[in-house]
Amino acid sequence: MTPKNSLNFSGGPGALPESVLRLAQESIIEVPEIGLSVLGISHRSDWFSAVITELETNIRTLLGLPENYHVLLLQGGATQQFSMVPMTLLHRKTSPAEYIHSGYWSGKVLPEARREGPIRVIWSGEANGFRRLPEDDELLFSPDAPYIHYISNETVEGVQFDRVLGRDDVPRVCDMSSDFLSKPCEAERFSLIYAHAQKNIGPAGVTVVLIRDELLNDVPADLPGFLDYRSHSHAHSNFNTPPVFAIYVVLLVTRWLINEIGGVEKMAQINRNKAELLYRLLDSSNGFYRGRAESQDRSMMNVAFNLATPELENKFLTRAADAGFSGLSGHRAIGGIRASIYNAVTLSAVEELAGFMDNFQRLHTK
């Protein structure tokens, strides 16, 4: 049985809303207002300029973002931001930037930052398998740090911060790739937020960067143009040929969030309902399903769990695929099972998954 879009629990690229998929499908043949395929529209056209302007406005509206932020639509994914951030903020600094090592992806950030200057890992969850996040009393932030960097949601291990970290007098930088626009985020408390699109807000190829004006005042003068936030700001996210189609789909997703969902507060409630349903099932399974993350740090985006044996996990995945579910394999770094329940995954799809899991447990419990 071919998996259906509605039952796509992939960790990324993730599911897109059905209405957005239909509009995107139509636009490949013809964007109604101009009569051309979106794949063949010039990035220098008035139409695309209007797309970028509307998308920036929609993001500002959804987050209540103040005017003293630039909204940039970049390429290179979050991985490019692992380097662009320290290239911009750590240049010729003697005090170390502070990083939190909370999982697989925040571990990927560290060697890239070290290429640019001194860093200090102020907390790491590696010793406990990244099953929990730090308490406030475990974090000692320095007032002299150039910035503090952390990842709001770790997709691999399924842990998520439910609070803003750091000091108000030190720039906060946050990778929100896997929970951006899934809930309110107090954006005005961050100096820089970055998020690649392919979890909650679109296809791969676009990375949203929100950067406060004053962060651009002391940017090194010798950065390559493509790696300089100022280049993209001055060019209105059109410094080089951008991914027109991917940006258009992100615009469609923001319209969906505003017009069909009713904003990020309502999106957050839907996401909480989905996550609570799955976590209740895990907790009531008498150990048949074993959640990875400690309960207080569980992610609303990625529900990671194990079964008793790898053989049983393989059987689960095979039966799930036969039933039409897609994307439930855990990340290659840790294995197991992972249900990614990003914005476009509906509550009814999660209910269907929960029903499958309940039946699977009944069939395999003596």
Protein backbone atom coordinates (compact mmCIF):
# COMPACT_ATOMS: atom_id res chain seq x y z
CA MET A 1 0.00 0.00 0.00
CA THR A 2 1.38 3.40 -0.97
CA PRO A 3 1.58 5.71 2.05
CA LYS A 4 -0.87 8.61 1.92
CA ASN A 5 0.16 12.24 2.37
CA SER A 6 -2.17 12.47 5.33
CA LEU A 7 -0.26 9.72 7.17
CA ASN A 8 3.22 11.16 6.65
CA PHE A 9 5.05 11.25 10.00
CA SER A 10 8.48 11.91 8.49
CA GLY A 11 11.08 13.83 10.48
CA GLY A 12 11.77 15.96 7.42
CA PRO A 13 11.05 16.94 4.83
CA GLY A 14 7.72 16.77 6.60
CA ALA A 15 4.08 16.85 5.65
CA LEU A 16 2.46 19.87 3.99
CA PRO A 17 -1.19 20.90 4.39
CA GLU A 18 -3.51 19.34 1.82
CA SER A 19 -4.82 22.72 0.66
CA VAL A 20 -1.27 23.98 0.18
CA LEU A 21 -0.33 20.90 -1.85
CA ARG A 22 -3.27 21.50 -4.18
CA LEU A 23 -2.41 25.16 -4.69
CA ALA A 24 1.25 24.28 -5.25
CA GLN A 25 0.22 21.64 -7.79
CA GLU A 26 -1.86 24.19 -9.70
CA SER A 27 0.96 26.74 -9.62
CA ILE A 28 3.37 24.33 -11.31
CA ILE A 29 1.13 24.50 -14.37
CA GLU A 30 -0.01 28.10 -13.95
CA VAL A 31 -0.02 30.78 -11.29
CA PRO A 32 -3.53 32.18 -11.86
CA GLU A 33 -2.70 35.89 -11.61
CA ILE A 34 0.04 35.79 -14.25
CA GLY A 35 -0.63 32.67 -16.34
CA LEU A 36 2.88 31.20 -16.06
CA SER A 37 4.29 28.18 -14.26
CA VAL A 38 5.86 29.11 -10.94
CA LEU A 39 8.87 27.09 -12.06
CA GLY A 40 9.50 29.53 -14.90
CA ILE A 41 8.80 32.90 -13.29
CA SER A 42 11.76 35.25 -13.00
CA HIS A 43 13.04 36.00 -9.53
CA ARG A 44 13.33 39.62 -10.73
CA SER A 45 9.64 39.88 -11.61
CA ASP A 46 7.20 42.18 -9.83
CA TRP A 47 5.16 39.11 -8.92
CA PHE A 48 8.01 37.49 -7.01
CA SER A 49 8.89 40.75 -5.29
CA ALA A 50 5.30 40.85 -4.04
CA VAL A 51 5.59 37.23 -2.85
CA ILE A 52 8.62 38.08 -0.70
CA THR A 53 6.94 41.20 0.68
CA GLU A 54 3.78 39.33 1.62
CA LEU A 55 5.72 36.45 3.15
CA GLU A 56 7.76 38.84 5.30
CA THR A 57 4.54 40.56 6.41
CA ASN A 58 2.87 37.25 7.24
CA ILE A 59 5.81 36.11 9.38
CA ARG A 60 5.80 39.44 11.22
CA THR A 61 2.05 39.12 11.78
CA LEU A 62 2.21 35.54 13.02
CA LEU A 63 5.01 36.27 15.50
CA GLY A 64 4.19 39.87 16.39
CA LEU A 65 7.70 40.69 15.21
CA PRO A 66 8.86 44.30 15.82
CA GLU A 67 10.01 46.49 12.94
CA ASN A 68 13.63 46.46 14.12
CA TYR A 69 14.14 42.97 12.67
CA HIS A 70 15.08 41.91 9.17
CA VAL A 71 13.21 38.91 7.75
CA LEU A 72 15.53 37.06 5.38
CA LEU A 73 14.83 34.07 3.13
CA LEU A 74 18.14 32.32 2.63
CA GLN A 75 19.52 29.06 1.23
CA GLY A 76 21.88 26.47 2.68
CA GLY A 77 19.56 25.17 5.40
CA ALA A 78 20.28 25.41 9.10
CA THR A 79 23.70 23.93 8.35
CA GLN A 80 24.82 27.13 6.64
CA GLN A 81 23.65 29.09 9.69
CA PHE A 82 25.91 26.94 11.88
CA SER A 83 28.74 28.85 10.18
CA MET A 84 27.16 32.21 9.31
CA VAL A 85 26.24 32.95 12.92
CA PRO A 86 29.78 32.65 14.35
CA MET A 87 31.32 34.22 11.24
CA THR A 88 29.16 37.27 11.96
CA LEU A 89 29.15 37.40 15.76
CA LEU A 90 32.36 35.71 16.91
CA HIS A 91 34.85 37.50 14.67
CA ARG A 92 37.88 38.74 16.66
CA LYS A 93 36.13 38.10 19.97
CA THR A 94 38.18 36.97 22.96
CA SER A 95 35.30 35.95 25.23
CA PRO A 96 33.74 32.64 24.23
CA ALA A 97 30.26 32.32 22.79
CA GLU A 98 28.10 29.98 24.87
CA TYR A 99 26.45 26.90 23.41
CA ILE A 100 24.04 24.34 24.85
CA HIS A 101 24.59 20.77 23.65
CA SER A 102 21.13 19.24 23.95
CA GLY A 103 21.11 16.65 21.19
CA TYR A 104 22.31 15.43 17.82
CA TRP A 105 21.84 18.68 15.92
CA SER A 106 23.30 20.99 18.55
CA GLY A 107 26.32 18.69 18.46
CA LYS A 108 26.68 19.41 14.74
CA VAL A 109 26.83 23.14 15.46
CA LEU A 110 29.86 23.01 17.76
CA PRO A 111 32.74 22.17 15.37
CA GLU A 112 31.53 24.79 12.90
CA ALA A 113 31.49 27.48 15.59
CA ARG A 114 34.97 26.49 16.80
CA ARG A 115 36.34 27.28 13.35
CA GLU A 116 35.48 30.94 13.88
CA GLY A 117 36.44 31.64 17.47
CA PRO A 118 36.27 30.56 21.12
CA ILE A 119 33.17 28.82 22.41
CA ARG A 120 32.12 27.33 25.72
CA VAL A 121 29.65 24.47 26.08
CA ILE A 122 27.83 25.46 29.24
CA TRP A 123 25.77 22.25 29.41
CA SER A 124 25.73 18.93 27.60
CA GLY A 125 23.21 16.12 27.81
CA GLU A 126 25.49 13.63 26.09
CA ALA A 127 26.22 11.65 29.27
CA ASN A 128 22.52 10.84 29.74
CA GLY A 129 21.84 10.12 26.07
CA PHE A 130 20.14 13.49 25.56
CA ARG A 131 17.04 12.24 27.34
CA ARG A 132 16.55 15.46 29.29
CA LEU A 133 17.22 19.19 29.17
CA PRO A 134 18.98 21.35 31.76
CA GLU A 135 17.25 22.94 34.72
CA ASP A 136 17.81 26.65 35.24
CA ASP A 137 20.20 26.05 38.13
CA GLU A 138 22.45 23.99 35.84
CA LEU A 139 23.03 26.92 33.50
CA LEU A 140 25.53 29.65 34.37
CA PHE A 141 25.50 32.34 31.69
CA SER A 142 28.31 34.88 31.38
CA PRO A 143 27.53 38.58 30.85
CA ASP A 144 30.64 38.78 28.63
CA ALA A 145 29.61 36.17 26.06
CA PRO A 146 29.19 37.50 22.50
CA TYR A 147 26.00 35.42 22.29
CA ILE A 148 24.25 32.33 23.62
CA HIS A 149 23.17 29.67 21.12
CA TYR A 150 20.74 26.80 21.56
CA ILE A 151 18.29 24.66 19.59
CA SER A 152 14.69 24.95 20.72
CA ASN A 153 13.64 21.45 19.65
CA GLU A 154 15.86 18.42 19.02
CA THR A 155 14.20 16.31 16.34
CA VAL A 156 16.32 13.19 16.84
CA GLU A 157 15.88 12.66 20.57
CA GLY A 158 12.49 14.38 20.92
CA VAL A 159 13.28 17.00 23.58
CA GLN A 160 12.06 20.59 23.47
CA PHE A 161 12.62 23.70 25.56
CA ASP A 162 9.43 25.29 26.88
CA ARG A 163 11.12 28.51 28.00
CA VAL A 164 13.51 31.17 26.73
CA LEU A 165 17.10 30.69 27.89
CA GLY A 166 19.91 33.12 28.56
CA ARG A 167 20.42 36.66 29.77
CA ASP A 168 18.55 39.67 28.43
CA ASP A 169 21.84 41.59 28.12
CA VAL A 170 23.50 38.94 25.90
CA PRO A 171 22.27 38.29 22.34
CA ARG A 172 20.21 35.10 22.09
CA VAL A 173 20.57 33.00 18.96
CA CYS A 174 18.19 30.09 18.46
CA ASP A 175 17.83 27.37 15.84
CA MET A 176 14.05 26.93 15.67
CA SER A 177 14.10 24.79 12.55
CA SER A 178 11.77 22.10 13.84
CA ASP A 179 9.24 24.17 15.82
CA PHE A 180 9.17 27.52 14.01
CA LEU A 181 5.58 28.79 13.66
CA SER A 182 4.29 25.78 15.59
CA LYS A 183 3.63 27.98 18.64
CA PRO A 184 4.35 31.51 19.91
CA CYS A 185 8.06 32.02 20.61
CA GLU A 186 8.55 35.51 22.14
CA ALA A 187 10.57 36.44 19.07
CA GLU A 188 11.40 39.91 20.38
CA ARG A 189 13.58 38.33 23.10
CA PHE A 190 15.95 36.86 20.51
CA SER A 191 18.61 38.67 18.52
CA LEU A 192 18.68 36.04 15.77
CA ILE A 193 16.36 33.16 14.96
CA TYR A 194 16.90 30.76 12.09
CA ALA A 195 14.73 27.95 10.79
CA HIS A 196 14.92 25.83 7.69
CA ALA A 197 11.53 25.31 6.12
CA GLN A 198 11.17 21.56 5.69
CA LYS A 199 9.60 20.70 9.03
CA ASN A 200 6.66 23.02 9.61
CA ILE A 201 6.58 25.73 6.98
CA GLY A 202 7.47 24.43 3.53
CA PRO A 203 9.76 22.30 1.36
CA ALA A 204 13.54 22.13 1.56
CA GLY A 205 15.45 25.00 0.01
CA VAL A 206 14.43 27.96 2.19
CA THR A 207 15.80 29.07 5.54
CA VAL A 208 14.06 31.89 7.39
CA VAL A 209 16.38 34.17 9.36
CA LEU A 210 15.07 36.86 11.71
CA ILE A 211 17.87 39.21 12.74
CA ARG A 212 17.73 42.31 14.91
CA ASP A 213 19.06 45.51 13.33
CA GLU A 214 21.84 46.20 15.82
CA LEU A 215 23.42 42.80 15.20
CA LEU A 216 24.46 44.07 11.77
CA ASN A 217 26.34 47.08 13.11
CA ASP A 218 29.62 45.24 13.76
CA VAL A 219 29.69 42.65 10.98
CA PRO A 220 33.19 41.84 9.66
CA ALA A 221 33.91 43.76 6.47
CA ASP A 222 35.63 40.86 4.69
CA LEU A 223 32.81 38.29 4.66
CA PRO A 224 31.93 36.73 1.28
CA GLY A 225 28.81 38.42 -0.07
CA PHE A 226 26.73 35.26 0.05
CA LEU A 227 27.62 34.72 3.72
CA ASP A 228 26.89 38.31 4.79
CA TYR A 229 23.42 38.97 6.21
CA ARG A 230 23.70 42.58 5.01
CA SER A 231 23.93 41.47 1.37
CA HIS A 232 20.65 39.61 1.63
CA SER A 233 18.98 42.39 3.60
CA HIS A 234 19.97 45.05 1.06
CA ALA A 235 18.82 42.82 -1.80
CA HIS A 236 15.47 42.01 -0.14
CA SER A 237 16.32 38.26 -0.07
CA ASN A 238 17.14 38.41 -3.78
CA PHE A 239 20.94 38.60 -3.68
CA ASN A 240 21.28 35.65 -6.03
CA THR A 241 18.69 33.46 -7.73
CA PRO A 242 16.53 32.24 -4.84
CA PRO A 243 14.36 29.08 -4.81
CA VAL A 244 11.23 30.76 -6.19
CA PHE A 245 8.96 27.73 -5.93
CA ALA A 246 9.99 26.83 -2.38
CA ILE A 247 9.53 30.41 -1.19
CA TYR A 248 6.09 30.52 -2.82
CA VAL A 249 5.08 27.35 -0.98
CA VAL A 250 6.22 28.88 2.32
CA LEU A 251 3.99 31.86 1.50
CA LEU A 252 1.08 29.46 0.97
CA VAL A 253 1.76 27.84 4.35
CA THR A 254 1.74 31.20 6.13
CA ARG A 255 -1.58 32.04 4.44
CA TRP A 256 -2.90 28.68 5.68
CA LEU A 257 -1.71 29.42 9.22
CA ILE A 258 -3.39 32.82 9.20
CA ASN A 259 -6.59 32.11 7.29
CA GLU A 260 -7.38 28.45 8.01
CA ILE A 261 -5.74 27.82 11.40
CA GLY A 262 -6.15 31.29 12.89
CA GLY A 263 -2.58 31.97 14.02
CA VAL A 264 0.20 30.32 15.99
CA GLU A 265 -1.68 30.26 19.30
CA LYS A 266 -4.37 28.07 17.75
CA MET A 267 -1.71 26.02 15.96
CA ALA A 268 -0.02 25.44 19.31
CA GLN A 269 -3.22 24.11 20.86
CA ILE A 270 -3.71 21.68 17.97
CA ASN A 271 -0.10 20.54 18.32
CA ARG A 272 -0.51 20.06 22.08
CA ASN A 273 -3.59 17.92 21.51
CA LYS A 274 -1.71 15.72 19.04
CA ALA A 275 1.29 15.28 21.30
CA GLU A 276 -0.75 14.61 24.44
CA LEU A 277 -2.67 11.88 22.64
CA LEU A 278 0.50 9.99 21.73
CA TYR A 279 2.22 10.51 25.08
CA ARG A 280 -0.87 9.28 26.94
CA LEU A 281 -0.72 6.13 24.85
CA LEU A 282 2.98 5.64 25.64
CA ASP A 283 2.42 6.20 29.36
CA SER A 284 -0.53 3.84 29.56
CA SER A 285 1.12 0.99 27.61
CA ASN A 286 2.69 -0.62 30.71
CA GLY A 287 6.14 -0.35 29.19
CA PHE A 288 5.25 -1.80 25.80
CA TYR A 289 6.07 1.60 24.27
CA ARG A 290 9.03 3.27 25.96
CA GLY A 291 9.38 7.01 25.47
CA ARG A 292 12.95 8.31 25.13
CA ALA A 293 12.64 11.76 26.67
CA GLU A 294 11.91 12.53 30.30
CA SER A 295 8.32 13.65 30.63
CA GLN A 296 9.03 17.28 31.54
CA ASP A 297 11.14 17.80 28.40
CA ARG A 298 9.07 15.97 25.80
CA SER A 299 8.78 17.48 22.35
CA MET A 300 5.46 18.49 20.84
CA MET A 301 6.99 17.95 17.41
CA ASN A 302 8.85 14.62 17.58
CA VAL A 303 7.59 11.71 19.67
CA ALA A 304 10.53 9.30 19.96
CA PHE A 305 10.13 5.89 21.55
CA ASN A 306 11.32 2.29 21.57
CA LEU A 307 9.83 -1.16 21.87
CA ALA A 308 11.29 -4.06 23.82
CA THR A 309 13.57 -5.37 21.06
CA PRO A 310 14.89 -4.26 17.66
CA GLU A 311 13.00 -7.20 16.13
CA LEU A 312 9.71 -5.93 17.52
CA GLU A 313 10.51 -2.42 16.29
CA ASN A 314 11.14 -3.76 12.79
CA LYS A 315 7.85 -5.62 12.89
CA PHE A 316 6.11 -2.43 14.04
CA LEU A 317 7.58 -0.46 11.15
CA THR A 318 6.67 -3.13 8.61
CA ARG A 319 3.07 -3.35 9.82
CA ALA A 320 2.82 0.44 9.95
CA ALA A 321 3.99 0.76 6.35
CA ASP A 322 1.48 -1.89 5.30
CA ALA A 323 -1.22 0.19 7.00
CA GLY A 324 -0.24 3.31 5.02
CA PHE A 325 1.90 5.13 7.57
CA SER A 326 5.13 6.72 6.38
CA GLY A 327 8.25 8.12 8.02
CA LEU A 328 8.10 6.37 11.42
CA SER A 329 11.68 5.08 11.53
CA GLY A 330 13.83 6.74 14.15
CA HIS A 331 16.82 8.81 13.12
CA ARG A 332 19.79 6.77 11.93
CA ALA A 333 21.85 8.05 14.90
CA ILE A 334 19.68 6.31 17.53
CA GLY A 335 17.18 4.08 15.73
CA GLY A 336 13.87 3.22 17.35
CA ILE A 337 10.58 4.81 16.34
CA ARG A 338 9.78 8.48 15.82
CA ALA A 339 6.45 10.08 14.98
CA SER A 340 7.02 13.63 13.80
CA ILE A 341 3.76 15.53 14.21
CA TYR A 342 4.54 18.85 12.55
CA ASN A 343 1.92 21.50 11.84
CA ALA A 344 0.43 19.85 8.77
CA VAL A 345 -0.09 16.46 10.44
CA THR A 346 -3.75 16.49 11.42
CA LEU A 347 -5.26 15.37 14.70
CA SER A 348 -7.23 12.73 12.80
CA ALA A 349 -3.99 11.31 11.39
CA VAL A 350 -2.53 11.12 14.90
CA GLU A 351 -5.72 9.43 16.12
CA GLU A 352 -5.34 6.88 13.33
CA LEU A 353 -1.73 6.26 14.36
CA ALA A 354 -2.74 5.89 18.00
CA GLY A 355 -5.37 3.36 16.98
CA PHE A 356 -2.80 1.38 15.03
CA MET A 357 -0.39 1.45 17.98
CA ASP A 358 -3.08 0.28 20.38
CA ASN A 359 -3.99 -2.62 18.11
CA PHE A 360 -0.34 -3.54 17.60
CA GLN A 361 0.18 -3.69 21.35
CA ARG A 362 -2.87 -5.91 21.81
CA LEU A 363 -1.62 -8.32 19.19
CA HIS A 364 1.85 -8.54 20.71
CA THR A 365 1.09 -8.65 24.41
CA LYS A 366 0.85 -12.07 26.00
